[in-house]
Amino acid sequence: MNEIASPGQLRLAYLRWSLLTVPAIVLLGFLSGRLANSGYGNRWFDALEKPALMPPGWLFGVAWTILYILMGLALAIVLHARGAKGRGPAITLFLVQLLMNLAWSPLFFRAHQVGSALMLILTLIVVVAITIWLFARIRRVAGLLLLPYLAWLAFASFLNYEIGRLNPDAETLVAPALSTQI
């Protein structure tokens, strides 16, 4: 049985991967933000001086939802590319950057570690850039789907830097939710 799959079968296989990856990544992103109490409504974040270019709160939810969908679609394309050279390392690096992404909100919003969050997001930018390159070597469109994510990370790192600059005492402004008080 050495039959080649029909185009319809190939589309169905990609659709199955997408139906797994997109909701999983969107859910993980939502949970990370929710558990970290990220965004406006967080007592600590509300008390911070914000940069002039700070977008309204609703935009973050919209942007991250779109970015997580694009990430899920890109991952599905690479997962679907069975036998492609470099597929394993590309998927591994994608998962590493996803864990780094999910760690940023708790580090910034929950632990109030503005400087550490900046270092994390700058490292994340490098890892995502490498992931884009690896994905593009497998399927060009998979790499292209991650470019808006990289652009948003650059903007988010600017906001992170500016919040740190405008609030040098940010870490002590309000007791972090992760601290233990006896």
Protein backbone atom coordinates (compact mmCIF):
# COMPACT_ATOMS: atom_id res chain seq x y z
CA MET A 1 0.00 0.00 0.00
CA ASN A 2 2.20 2.80 -1.25
CA GLU A 3 -0.53 5.23 -2.25
CA ILE A 4 -0.03 8.96 -2.20
CA ALA A 5 -2.62 10.90 -0.23
CA SER A 6 -5.10 12.94 -2.22
CA PRO A 7 -5.17 16.74 -1.85
CA GLY A 8 -8.42 16.38 0.10
CA GLN A 9 -6.82 13.94 2.52
CA LEU A 10 -3.87 16.28 2.99
CA ARG A 11 -6.18 19.24 3.73
CA LEU A 12 -8.10 17.11 6.22
CA ALA A 13 -4.88 16.11 8.00
CA TYR A 14 -3.86 19.78 8.26
CA LEU A 15 -7.34 20.66 9.52
CA ARG A 16 -7.06 18.01 12.24
CA TRP A 17 -3.72 19.43 13.38
CA SER A 18 -5.19 22.95 13.36
CA LEU A 19 -8.18 21.85 15.40
CA LEU A 20 -5.73 20.61 18.02
CA THR A 21 -3.05 23.32 18.01
CA VAL A 22 -5.11 26.50 17.69
CA PRO A 23 -7.50 25.94 20.62
CA ALA A 24 -4.69 24.52 22.78
CA ILE A 25 -2.42 27.54 22.28
CA VAL A 26 -5.28 30.05 22.68
CA LEU A 27 -6.38 28.29 25.89
CA LEU A 28 -2.85 28.19 27.31
CA GLY A 29 -2.38 31.90 26.57
CA PHE A 30 -5.73 32.73 28.15
CA LEU A 31 -4.91 30.69 31.27
CA SER A 32 -1.48 32.28 31.63
CA GLY A 33 -2.98 35.76 31.50
CA ARG A 34 -5.88 34.87 33.75
CA LEU A 35 -3.74 33.17 36.40
CA ALA A 36 -1.36 36.13 36.39
CA ASN A 37 -4.23 38.64 36.67
CA SER A 38 -2.71 40.42 33.70
CA GLY A 39 -3.72 43.79 32.35
CA TYR A 40 -5.92 46.55 33.62
CA GLY A 41 -7.80 45.67 36.77
CA ASN A 42 -4.60 44.40 38.36
CA ARG A 43 -4.04 46.69 41.38
CA TRP A 44 -0.28 46.81 40.86
CA PHE A 45 -0.48 47.41 37.09
CA ASP A 46 -3.14 50.10 37.52
CA ALA A 47 -0.85 51.96 39.94
CA LEU A 48 2.03 52.10 37.44
CA GLU A 49 2.78 55.10 35.27
CA LYS A 50 2.23 53.97 31.67
CA PRO A 51 4.10 55.03 28.54
CA ALA A 52 2.36 57.41 26.13
CA LEU A 53 2.11 54.64 23.49
CA MET A 54 0.26 52.24 25.82
CA PRO A 55 -2.73 50.83 23.91
CA PRO A 56 -6.16 50.43 25.53
CA GLY A 57 -6.64 47.25 27.54
CA TRP A 58 -9.08 45.60 25.11
CA LEU A 59 -6.46 45.69 22.35
CA PHE A 60 -4.17 43.29 24.22
CA GLY A 61 -6.88 40.61 24.36
CA VAL A 62 -7.67 41.01 20.66
CA ALA A 63 -4.01 41.09 19.62
CA TRP A 64 -3.00 38.06 21.68
CA THR A 65 -5.99 36.04 20.50
CA ILE A 66 -5.05 36.71 16.87
CA LEU A 67 -1.37 36.01 17.55
CA TYR A 68 -2.12 32.73 19.35
CA ILE A 69 -4.33 31.65 16.43
CA LEU A 70 -1.53 32.44 13.97
CA MET A 71 0.94 30.55 16.18
CA GLY A 72 -1.38 27.53 16.26
CA LEU A 73 -1.79 27.58 12.48
CA ALA A 74 1.98 27.86 11.96
CA LEU A 75 2.59 24.95 14.32
CA ALA A 76 -0.07 22.86 12.56
CA ILE A 77 1.64 23.47 9.20
CA VAL A 78 4.98 22.26 10.57
CA LEU A 79 3.41 19.30 12.37
CA HIS A 80 1.71 18.38 9.11
CA ALA A 81 5.02 18.48 7.21
CA ARG A 82 5.94 14.91 8.13
CA GLY A 83 9.40 13.91 7.04
CA ALA A 84 10.56 17.50 6.53
CA LYS A 85 14.19 18.09 7.35
CA GLY A 86 14.59 20.02 10.63
CA ARG A 87 11.00 19.46 11.72
CA GLY A 88 11.92 18.05 15.17
CA PRO A 89 14.20 20.93 16.22
CA ALA A 90 11.70 23.47 14.85
CA ILE A 91 8.85 22.00 16.90
CA THR A 92 11.06 21.78 19.99
CA LEU A 93 12.12 25.41 19.70
CA PHE A 94 8.50 26.44 19.12
CA LEU A 95 7.53 24.72 22.38
CA VAL A 96 10.43 26.41 24.21
CA GLN A 97 9.35 29.85 23.01
CA LEU A 98 5.73 29.05 23.91
CA LEU A 99 6.75 28.20 27.49
CA MET A 100 8.76 31.42 27.66
CA ASN A 101 5.75 33.34 26.34
CA LEU A 102 3.44 31.77 28.93
CA ALA A 103 5.93 32.57 31.73
CA TRP A 104 6.07 36.29 30.94
CA SER A 105 2.65 37.29 32.33
CA PRO A 106 3.12 35.63 35.73
CA LEU A 107 6.63 37.10 35.98
CA PHE A 108 5.48 40.64 35.11
CA PHE A 109 1.93 40.90 36.45
CA ARG A 110 2.00 38.44 39.35
CA ALA A 111 5.59 38.65 40.64
CA HIS A 112 6.11 42.32 39.59
CA GLN A 113 9.57 41.52 38.22
CA VAL A 114 9.73 44.20 35.54
CA GLY A 115 13.48 43.83 34.88
CA SER A 116 13.38 40.04 34.76
CA ALA A 117 10.32 40.18 32.50
CA LEU A 118 12.23 42.48 30.14
CA MET A 119 15.17 40.06 29.99
CA LEU A 120 12.72 37.21 29.33
CA ILE A 121 10.94 39.01 26.51
CA LEU A 122 14.22 40.06 24.88
CA THR A 123 15.41 36.45 24.99
CA LEU A 124 12.01 35.39 23.67
CA ILE A 125 12.43 37.70 20.67
CA VAL A 126 15.69 35.93 19.76
CA VAL A 127 14.15 32.47 20.20
CA VAL A 128 11.09 33.43 18.13
CA ALA A 129 13.31 34.84 15.36
CA ILE A 130 15.18 31.52 15.20
CA THR A 131 11.87 29.63 15.28
CA ILE A 132 10.62 31.71 12.35
CA TRP A 133 13.76 30.87 10.40
CA LEU A 134 13.40 27.14 11.17
CA PHE A 135 9.69 27.15 10.33
CA ALA A 136 10.31 29.01 7.06
CA ARG A 137 12.87 26.39 6.03
CA ILE A 138 10.13 23.76 6.38
CA ARG A 139 7.19 25.74 5.01
CA ARG A 140 7.60 29.41 4.12
CA VAL A 141 4.03 30.27 5.13
CA ALA A 142 4.61 28.84 8.63
CA GLY A 143 7.44 31.31 9.15
CA LEU A 144 5.42 34.19 7.70
CA LEU A 145 2.54 33.47 10.09
CA LEU A 146 4.87 34.15 13.03
CA LEU A 147 6.09 37.56 11.81
CA PRO A 148 3.20 39.53 13.41
CA TYR A 149 4.04 37.76 16.69
CA LEU A 150 7.66 38.89 16.45
CA ALA A 151 6.55 42.47 15.71
CA TRP A 152 4.16 42.46 18.70
CA LEU A 153 6.91 41.09 20.96
CA ALA A 154 9.16 43.96 19.90
CA PHE A 155 6.40 46.44 20.77
CA ALA A 156 5.69 44.64 24.06
CA SER A 157 9.38 44.75 24.98
CA PHE A 158 9.33 48.52 24.36
CA LEU A 159 6.33 48.85 26.69
CA ASN A 160 8.03 46.64 29.28
CA TYR A 161 11.20 48.78 29.09
CA GLU A 162 9.25 52.03 29.35
CA ILE A 163 7.25 50.81 32.35
CA GLY A 164 10.52 49.93 34.06
CA ARG A 165 12.00 53.32 33.20
CA LEU A 166 8.94 55.26 34.32
CA ASN A 167 8.52 53.21 37.50
CA PRO A 168 11.95 52.47 39.00
CA ASP A 169 10.22 51.33 42.21
CA ALA A 170 7.70 49.15 40.38
CA GLU A 171 8.70 45.95 42.14
CA THR A 172 7.86 47.41 45.55
CA LEU A 173 4.86 49.50 44.56
CA VAL A 174 2.34 46.88 45.72
CA ALA A 175 3.18 43.60 47.45
CA PRO A 176 3.45 40.90 44.75
CA ALA A 177 0.78 38.22 44.79
CA LEU A 178 3.53 35.59 44.81
CA SER A 179 5.10 36.85 48.03
CA THR A 180 4.48 35.13 51.31
CA GLN A 181 3.51 37.33 54.20
CA ILE A 182 3.75 35.97 57.72
